[in-house]
Amino acid sequence: MKEIKKVTWRSPSNIALVKYWGKRSGVQIPANPSISFTLENCYSETSVALVEKERKSKEIELRFYFDGKANMAFQLKMLKFFESVKKDFPFLNQYGLLIHSTNSFPHSSGIASSASAMSALAIALCDLKQELGQKKWSPEKFLQKASHYARLGSGSASRSVYPLISEWGKTKTVKGSSDEYAVPFARNLHKTFHNYQNTILIASSAEKKVSSRVGHSLMKTNPYAKTRYAQAERNLKEIIEALKNGDLEKFGTIIEEEAMTLHALMMCSSPSFILMSPATLAMIEKIRHFREESQLPIYFTLDAGPNIHLMYPKNISKKAEAFIAEELKSHCEKGKMIQDHVGKGPKKVK
């Protein structure tokens, strides 16, 4: 099968500080604004090759491999995504697609794998469109377009295309914000957060029992949805001030509140579900106790899963690492941890 053109992109996951949970009517339109740190070591690497079609047809031809193996469940999700965007990418009708993707972290365990995977795919599509001479964007417009298309595949993916930090969702708090794509926020970020540390403590690497997609849909009948969306707006406004001023206590207080609110919403949905594990709760108790005793700015957050993202400034890394080794590692699945930090965003792999 003749290869026409191929691009490979590595795009990171992100960790939401103010959480996106719940959708309004429309395609992947958030019910509240969110803001997230872009990570560095948790990423998806995706190669998209355009190949000659096996038959003359406008139907999308796709072969998808995850970690070197054919994955039909992922392939069906990809086909649905491509059908939704093919009007903007004419080459999807003209060529077949051969896609290879891999993650540097456990899939579906509460680290935003859809964010890294769909952002890598969207960036690759936009890159191919330019490589084929079908479009030429400025660097800023390229990322905005990639964010827009990434959102169609996974809402949180819209935030992974930018370095350091980005915000997604229309709000009066952020100038130029949009429901259609994320916007970069690094220009306003205090230097303390430019190399902020994030140790991911793997309480479980098992696939989640309830997907984020289902969780979002349950917000439609959640009795606390309206209150939650108002809370998110307030927390966004307050955390932006903390991010600008380097206020670690305010920052930490908000990210912990957001994490606990997210999981509380899961518990009071109908049907309810719990994604925390006993190990998660044990680590939360130890983190809070250690912070009280040491007076160090070490805080946690969680995505939709059991794994803890421990957040702290780089200048206390040695003390934080000692605490992790002595008190938290034993609660991790086989001692599994991922050392990460605020990152520089996607990059093209030569």
Protein backbone atom coordinates (compact mmCIF):
# COMPACT_ATOMS: atom_id res chain seq x y z
CA MET A 1 0.00 0.00 0.00
CA LYS A 2 1.61 3.23 -1.18
CA GLU A 3 2.12 5.92 1.44
CA ILE A 4 1.36 9.44 0.20
CA LYS A 5 2.14 11.56 3.25
CA LYS A 6 2.78 10.93 6.94
CA VAL A 7 3.05 13.12 10.04
CA THR A 8 3.67 12.21 13.66
CA TRP A 9 2.76 14.37 16.64
CA ARG A 10 3.24 13.98 20.36
CA SER A 11 0.57 15.75 22.39
CA PRO A 12 0.27 15.81 26.19
CA SER A 13 -2.53 15.17 28.57
CA ASN A 14 -3.58 17.96 30.89
CA ILE A 15 -4.79 18.23 34.45
CA ALA A 16 -7.83 20.42 34.99
CA LEU A 17 -7.61 22.86 37.88
CA VAL A 18 -11.21 24.01 37.47
CA LYS A 19 -13.07 20.97 36.13
CA TYR A 20 -15.22 20.56 33.03
CA TRP A 21 -18.14 18.31 33.98
CA GLY A 22 -21.40 18.56 32.11
CA LYS A 23 -22.41 19.72 28.63
CA ARG A 24 -24.91 22.10 27.11
CA SER A 25 -26.76 21.47 23.85
CA GLY A 26 -24.54 21.38 20.79
CA VAL A 27 -21.45 19.39 19.90
CA GLN A 28 -19.12 19.18 22.90
CA ILE A 29 -20.19 22.52 24.37
CA PRO A 30 -19.19 22.83 28.04
CA ALA A 31 -21.70 23.72 30.73
CA ASN A 32 -18.98 25.67 32.57
CA PRO A 33 -15.53 27.08 31.81
CA SER A 34 -12.41 25.14 32.80
CA ILE A 35 -8.69 25.76 33.08
CA SER A 36 -5.84 23.25 33.08
CA PHE A 37 -2.10 22.77 33.27
CA THR A 38 -0.58 21.13 30.21
CA LEU A 39 1.59 18.17 31.24
CA GLU A 40 4.89 16.99 29.77
CA ASN A 41 5.55 13.29 30.39
CA CYS A 42 1.98 11.99 30.02
CA TYR A 43 1.40 12.11 26.29
CA SER A 44 0.04 10.33 23.23
CA GLU A 45 2.22 9.89 20.17
CA THR A 46 0.18 9.50 17.01
CA SER A 47 1.29 8.88 13.42
CA VAL A 48 -1.22 9.54 10.66
CA ALA A 49 -0.33 8.25 7.20
CA LEU A 50 -2.31 8.93 4.05
CA VAL A 51 -2.28 5.87 1.81
CA GLU A 52 -3.83 4.86 -1.49
CA LYS A 53 -7.39 3.69 -1.11
CA GLU A 54 -8.17 0.03 -1.68
CA ARG A 55 -11.38 0.87 -3.53
CA LYS A 56 -12.83 3.92 -5.23
CA SER A 57 -15.29 5.34 -2.76
CA LYS A 58 -15.89 8.45 -0.70
CA GLU A 59 -16.22 6.30 2.40
CA ILE A 60 -13.46 6.76 4.96
CA GLU A 61 -10.97 3.89 4.95
CA LEU A 62 -9.19 3.51 8.27
CA ARG A 63 -6.82 1.10 9.93
CA PHE A 64 -6.05 2.02 13.52
CA TYR A 65 -3.45 0.48 15.82
CA PHE A 66 -2.98 1.22 19.51
CA ASP A 67 0.30 0.03 21.03
CA GLY A 68 0.92 -1.88 17.81
CA LYS A 69 -2.32 -3.84 17.93
CA ALA A 70 -5.54 -3.35 15.98
CA ASN A 71 -8.17 -1.83 18.27
CA MET A 72 -11.70 -1.95 16.91
CA ALA A 73 -13.30 0.01 19.78
CA PHE A 74 -10.90 2.94 19.23
CA GLN A 75 -11.25 2.60 15.46
CA LEU A 76 -15.03 3.05 15.65
CA LYS A 77 -14.57 6.19 17.77
CA MET A 78 -12.08 7.52 15.22
CA LEU A 79 -14.45 6.84 12.32
CA LYS A 80 -17.20 8.76 14.07
CA PHE A 81 -14.82 11.67 14.61
CA PHE A 82 -13.61 11.67 11.00
CA GLU A 83 -17.19 11.63 9.71
CA SER A 84 -17.89 14.76 11.77
CA VAL A 85 -14.93 16.71 10.33
CA LYS A 86 -14.46 15.36 6.81
CA LYS A 87 -16.15 18.36 5.19
CA ASP A 88 -13.20 20.45 6.43
CA PHE A 89 -10.57 17.87 5.46
CA PRO A 90 -11.25 16.82 1.85
CA PHE A 91 -8.29 14.41 1.82
CA LEU A 92 -10.23 12.11 4.17
CA ASN A 93 -12.36 11.17 1.15
CA GLN A 94 -9.41 11.01 -1.21
CA TYR A 95 -6.99 8.79 0.75
CA GLY A 96 -7.08 5.92 3.18
CA LEU A 97 -5.75 6.40 6.71
CA LEU A 98 -3.21 4.31 8.59
CA ILE A 99 -2.92 5.45 12.21
CA HIS A 100 -0.58 4.24 14.92
CA SER A 101 -0.96 5.61 18.44
CA THR A 102 0.53 4.93 21.84
CA ASN A 103 0.32 6.44 25.32
CA SER A 104 3.09 6.97 27.86
CA PHE A 105 0.62 6.25 30.69
CA PRO A 106 -2.26 3.86 31.57
CA HIS A 107 -5.35 4.31 29.41
CA SER A 108 -8.78 5.06 30.96
CA SER A 109 -7.53 5.25 34.55
CA GLY A 110 -8.27 8.87 35.34
CA ILE A 111 -5.43 10.52 33.45
CA ALA A 112 -6.94 12.35 30.51
CA SER A 113 -6.01 9.91 27.73
CA SER A 114 -8.73 11.23 25.41
CA ALA A 115 -7.25 14.73 25.78
CA SER A 116 -3.81 13.67 24.61
CA ALA A 117 -5.05 11.24 21.95
CA MET A 118 -7.59 13.53 20.31
CA SER A 119 -5.37 16.61 20.46
CA ALA A 120 -2.55 14.67 18.78
CA LEU A 121 -4.96 13.48 16.08
CA ALA A 122 -6.45 16.94 15.49
CA ILE A 123 -3.01 18.56 15.24
CA ALA A 124 -1.90 15.87 12.79
CA LEU A 125 -4.98 16.48 10.60
CA CYS A 126 -4.35 20.23 10.54
CA ASP A 127 -0.69 19.61 9.74
CA LEU A 128 -1.59 17.28 6.86
CA LYS A 129 -3.96 19.89 5.45
CA GLN A 130 -1.05 22.35 5.34
CA GLU A 131 1.41 19.75 4.01
CA LEU A 132 -0.95 19.01 1.13
CA GLY A 133 -1.21 22.72 0.34
CA GLN A 134 -4.93 22.86 1.12
CA LYS A 135 -4.50 25.56 3.79
CA LYS A 136 -1.92 27.84 5.34
CA TRP A 137 -2.46 29.16 8.87
CA SER A 138 -0.40 31.41 11.11
CA PRO A 139 1.07 29.53 14.12
CA GLU A 140 -1.59 31.06 16.39
CA LYS A 141 -4.45 30.19 14.01
CA PHE A 142 -3.05 26.67 13.53
CA LEU A 143 -3.31 25.97 17.27
CA GLN A 144 -6.76 27.53 17.48
CA LYS A 145 -7.98 25.32 14.64
CA ALA A 146 -6.38 22.26 16.21
CA SER A 147 -8.07 23.10 19.51
CA HIS A 148 -11.43 23.45 17.76
CA TYR A 149 -11.19 20.04 16.05
CA ALA A 150 -9.74 18.36 19.15
CA ARG A 151 -12.80 19.56 21.08
CA LEU A 152 -15.09 17.71 18.71
CA GLY A 153 -13.40 14.46 19.68
CA SER A 154 -12.92 15.20 23.37
CA GLY A 155 -13.78 18.43 25.17
CA SER A 156 -10.71 18.40 27.41
CA ALA A 157 -8.50 17.78 24.36
CA SER A 158 -9.12 21.38 23.30
CA ARG A 159 -6.87 22.49 26.17
CA SER A 160 -3.93 20.17 25.38
CA VAL A 161 -2.74 22.02 22.29
CA TYR A 162 -1.25 24.94 24.25
CA PRO A 163 1.88 25.09 26.41
CA LEU A 164 1.76 25.55 30.19
CA ILE A 165 -1.89 26.46 30.74
CA SER A 166 -5.11 27.14 28.83
CA GLU A 167 -8.75 27.97 29.44
CA TRP A 168 -11.80 26.61 27.63
CA GLY A 169 -15.39 27.82 27.80
CA LYS A 170 -17.04 31.17 27.24
CA THR A 171 -16.74 33.33 30.34
CA LYS A 172 -16.57 37.03 31.18
CA THR A 173 -13.48 36.29 33.28
CA VAL A 174 -11.23 35.53 30.29
CA LYS A 175 -11.04 37.85 27.31
CA GLY A 176 -11.41 36.03 24.00
CA SER A 177 -12.69 32.85 25.64
CA SER A 178 -14.88 30.53 23.60
CA ASP A 179 -16.95 27.38 23.81
CA GLU A 180 -15.56 26.39 20.40
CA TYR A 181 -11.86 26.20 21.32
CA ALA A 182 -9.47 26.79 24.21
CA VAL A 183 -7.33 29.90 24.58
CA PRO A 184 -3.73 30.12 25.86
CA PHE A 185 -3.16 31.66 29.26
CA ALA A 186 0.61 31.36 29.72
CA ARG A 187 1.20 35.08 29.25
CA ASN A 188 -0.58 35.74 32.55
CA LEU A 189 1.05 32.91 34.51
CA HIS A 190 3.27 33.70 37.50
CA LYS A 191 6.79 32.28 37.09
CA THR A 192 6.24 29.98 40.11
CA PHE A 193 3.86 27.90 38.01
CA HIS A 194 6.03 27.61 34.89
CA ASN A 195 7.80 24.53 36.25
CA TYR A 196 5.16 23.38 38.73
CA GLN A 197 5.52 19.72 39.69
CA ASN A 198 2.85 17.04 39.37
CA THR A 199 3.50 13.59 40.78
CA ILE A 200 0.75 11.24 39.66
CA LEU A 201 0.10 8.55 42.26
CA ILE A 202 -1.43 5.50 40.59
CA ALA A 203 -3.98 4.12 43.04
CA SER A 204 -5.26 1.92 40.21
CA SER A 205 -4.39 1.48 36.53
CA ALA A 206 -7.61 -0.46 35.82
CA GLU A 207 -10.02 0.95 33.28
CA LYS A 208 -12.75 3.11 34.81
CA LYS A 209 -16.11 1.44 35.47
CA VAL A 210 -17.96 4.55 34.26
CA SER A 211 -16.67 6.61 31.34
CA SER A 212 -16.39 10.39 31.43
CA ARG A 213 -18.89 10.54 28.57
CA VAL A 214 -21.52 8.85 30.75
CA GLY A 215 -20.56 11.02 33.71
CA HIS A 216 -21.08 14.20 31.69
CA SER A 217 -24.53 13.01 30.56
CA LEU A 218 -25.63 12.36 34.15
CA MET A 219 -25.17 16.04 34.96
CA LYS A 220 -28.39 16.72 33.05
CA THR A 221 -30.39 15.28 35.94
CA ASN A 222 -27.98 16.02 38.79
CA PRO A 223 -29.83 18.05 41.46
CA TYR A 224 -26.70 20.11 42.17
CA ALA A 225 -25.79 20.95 38.56
CA LYS A 226 -26.88 24.61 38.64
CA THR A 227 -25.00 25.23 41.89
CA ARG A 228 -21.93 23.50 40.48
CA TYR A 229 -21.79 25.65 37.35
CA ALA A 230 -21.99 28.82 39.44
CA GLN A 231 -19.22 27.47 41.68
CA ALA A 232 -17.01 26.80 38.65
CA GLU A 233 -17.37 30.39 37.47
CA ARG A 234 -16.39 31.69 40.93
CA ASN A 235 -13.47 29.32 41.24
CA LEU A 236 -12.20 30.20 37.78
CA LYS A 237 -12.14 33.88 38.65
CA GLU A 238 -10.37 33.26 41.95
CA ILE A 239 -7.81 30.77 40.64
CA ILE A 240 -6.87 33.09 37.77
CA GLU A 241 -5.92 35.72 40.34
CA ALA A 242 -3.90 33.12 42.24
CA LEU A 243 -2.16 32.02 39.04
CA LYS A 244 -1.26 35.60 38.20
CA ASN A 245 -0.05 36.47 41.70
CA GLY A 246 1.65 33.22 42.65
CA ASP A 247 -0.74 32.68 45.58
CA LEU A 248 -0.04 29.01 46.35
CA GLU A 249 -2.48 28.69 49.25
CA LYS A 250 -5.42 30.05 47.26
CA PHE A 251 -4.41 27.94 44.26
CA GLY A 252 -4.20 24.78 46.36
CA THR A 253 -7.45 25.39 48.21
CA ILE A 254 -9.33 25.75 44.93
CA ILE A 255 -7.87 22.70 43.18
CA GLU A 256 -8.70 20.49 46.17
CA GLU A 257 -12.23 21.87 46.34
CA GLU A 258 -12.65 21.23 42.62
CA ALA A 259 -11.43 17.64 42.95
CA MET A 260 -13.76 16.84 45.82
CA THR A 261 -16.70 18.55 44.13
CA LEU A 262 -16.14 16.53 40.95
CA HIS A 263 -16.29 13.25 42.83
CA ALA A 264 -19.21 14.41 44.99
CA LEU A 265 -21.16 15.10 41.80
CA MET A 266 -20.52 11.52 40.70
CA MET A 267 -21.76 10.20 44.03
CA CYS A 268 -25.02 12.16 43.92
CA SER A 269 -25.85 11.53 40.25
CA SER A 270 -28.53 9.03 39.30
CA PRO A 271 -27.34 6.35 39.01
CA SER A 272 -24.52 7.26 41.38
CA PHE A 273 -20.98 5.94 41.03
CA ILE A 274 -17.70 6.11 42.91
CA LEU A 275 -14.33 6.31 41.17
CA MET A 276 -12.18 6.91 44.25
CA SER A 277 -10.62 3.86 45.89
CA PRO A 278 -9.64 3.21 49.51
CA ALA A 279 -6.05 3.99 48.49
CA THR A 280 -7.17 7.38 47.13
CA LEU A 281 -8.80 8.32 50.41
CA ALA A 282 -5.84 7.11 52.46
CA MET A 283 -3.48 9.29 50.45
CA ILE A 284 -5.74 12.34 50.72
CA GLU A 285 -5.74 12.02 54.51
CA LYS A 286 -1.95 11.75 54.61
CA ILE A 287 -1.48 14.72 52.26
CA ARG A 288 -3.68 16.96 54.38
CA HIS A 289 -1.95 15.85 57.58
CA PHE A 290 1.52 16.37 56.12
CA ARG A 291 0.62 19.84 54.87
CA GLU A 292 -0.70 20.84 58.28
CA GLU A 293 2.41 19.53 60.03
CA SER A 294 5.03 20.80 57.55
CA GLN A 295 3.31 24.02 56.40
CA LEU A 296 4.51 23.17 52.87
CA PRO A 297 2.28 24.09 49.88
CA ILE A 298 1.56 20.53 48.75
CA TYR A 299 -1.96 20.03 47.39
CA PHE A 300 -3.81 17.39 45.40
CA THR A 301 -6.36 17.18 42.65
CA LEU A 302 -8.04 14.32 40.79
CA ASP A 303 -9.54 13.81 37.38
CA ALA A 304 -12.40 11.37 36.82
CA GLY A 305 -10.58 8.42 38.34
CA PRO A 306 -8.83 7.21 41.49
CA ASN A 307 -5.35 8.54 40.79
CA ILE A 308 -4.03 11.54 42.69
CA HIS A 309 -2.18 14.43 41.07
CA LEU A 310 0.08 15.82 43.79
CA MET A 311 0.93 19.44 43.00
CA TYR A 312 3.82 21.44 44.45
CA PRO A 313 6.42 24.07 43.45
CA LYS A 314 9.80 22.86 42.21
CA ASN A 315 11.72 24.52 45.04
CA ILE A 316 10.34 22.02 47.57
CA SER A 317 10.78 18.94 45.36
CA LYS A 318 13.23 17.15 47.68
CA LYS A 319 10.93 17.43 50.69
CA ALA A 320 7.91 16.45 48.59
CA GLU A 321 9.69 13.44 47.12
CA ALA A 322 10.77 12.27 50.57
CA PHE A 323 7.17 12.50 51.80
CA ILE A 324 5.92 10.61 48.76
CA ALA A 325 8.46 7.82 49.22
CA GLU A 326 7.83 7.48 52.97
CA GLU A 327 4.05 7.93 53.16
CA LEU A 328 2.32 7.61 49.79
CA LYS A 329 4.17 5.12 47.60
CA SER A 330 2.91 2.16 49.63
CA HIS A 331 -0.67 3.10 48.69
CA CYS A 332 0.10 3.10 44.95
CA GLU A 333 -0.58 0.04 42.81
CA LYS A 334 2.75 -1.85 42.86
CA GLY A 335 4.36 1.44 43.87
CA LYS A 336 3.49 3.01 40.50
CA MET A 337 3.97 6.75 40.12
CA ILE A 338 4.55 9.13 37.21
CA GLN A 339 6.72 12.16 37.76
CA ASP A 340 5.42 15.00 35.62
CA HIS A 341 5.37 18.78 35.50
CA VAL A 342 3.85 21.68 33.62
CA GLY A 343 4.93 21.22 30.02
CA LYS A 344 5.64 22.95 26.74
CA GLY A 345 2.78 21.54 24.74
CA PRO A 346 2.62 19.38 21.59
CA LYS A 347 5.59 18.81 19.34
CA LYS A 348 6.09 17.31 15.92
CA VAL A 349 8.16 14.12 15.85
CA LYS A 350 10.60 14.01 12.99
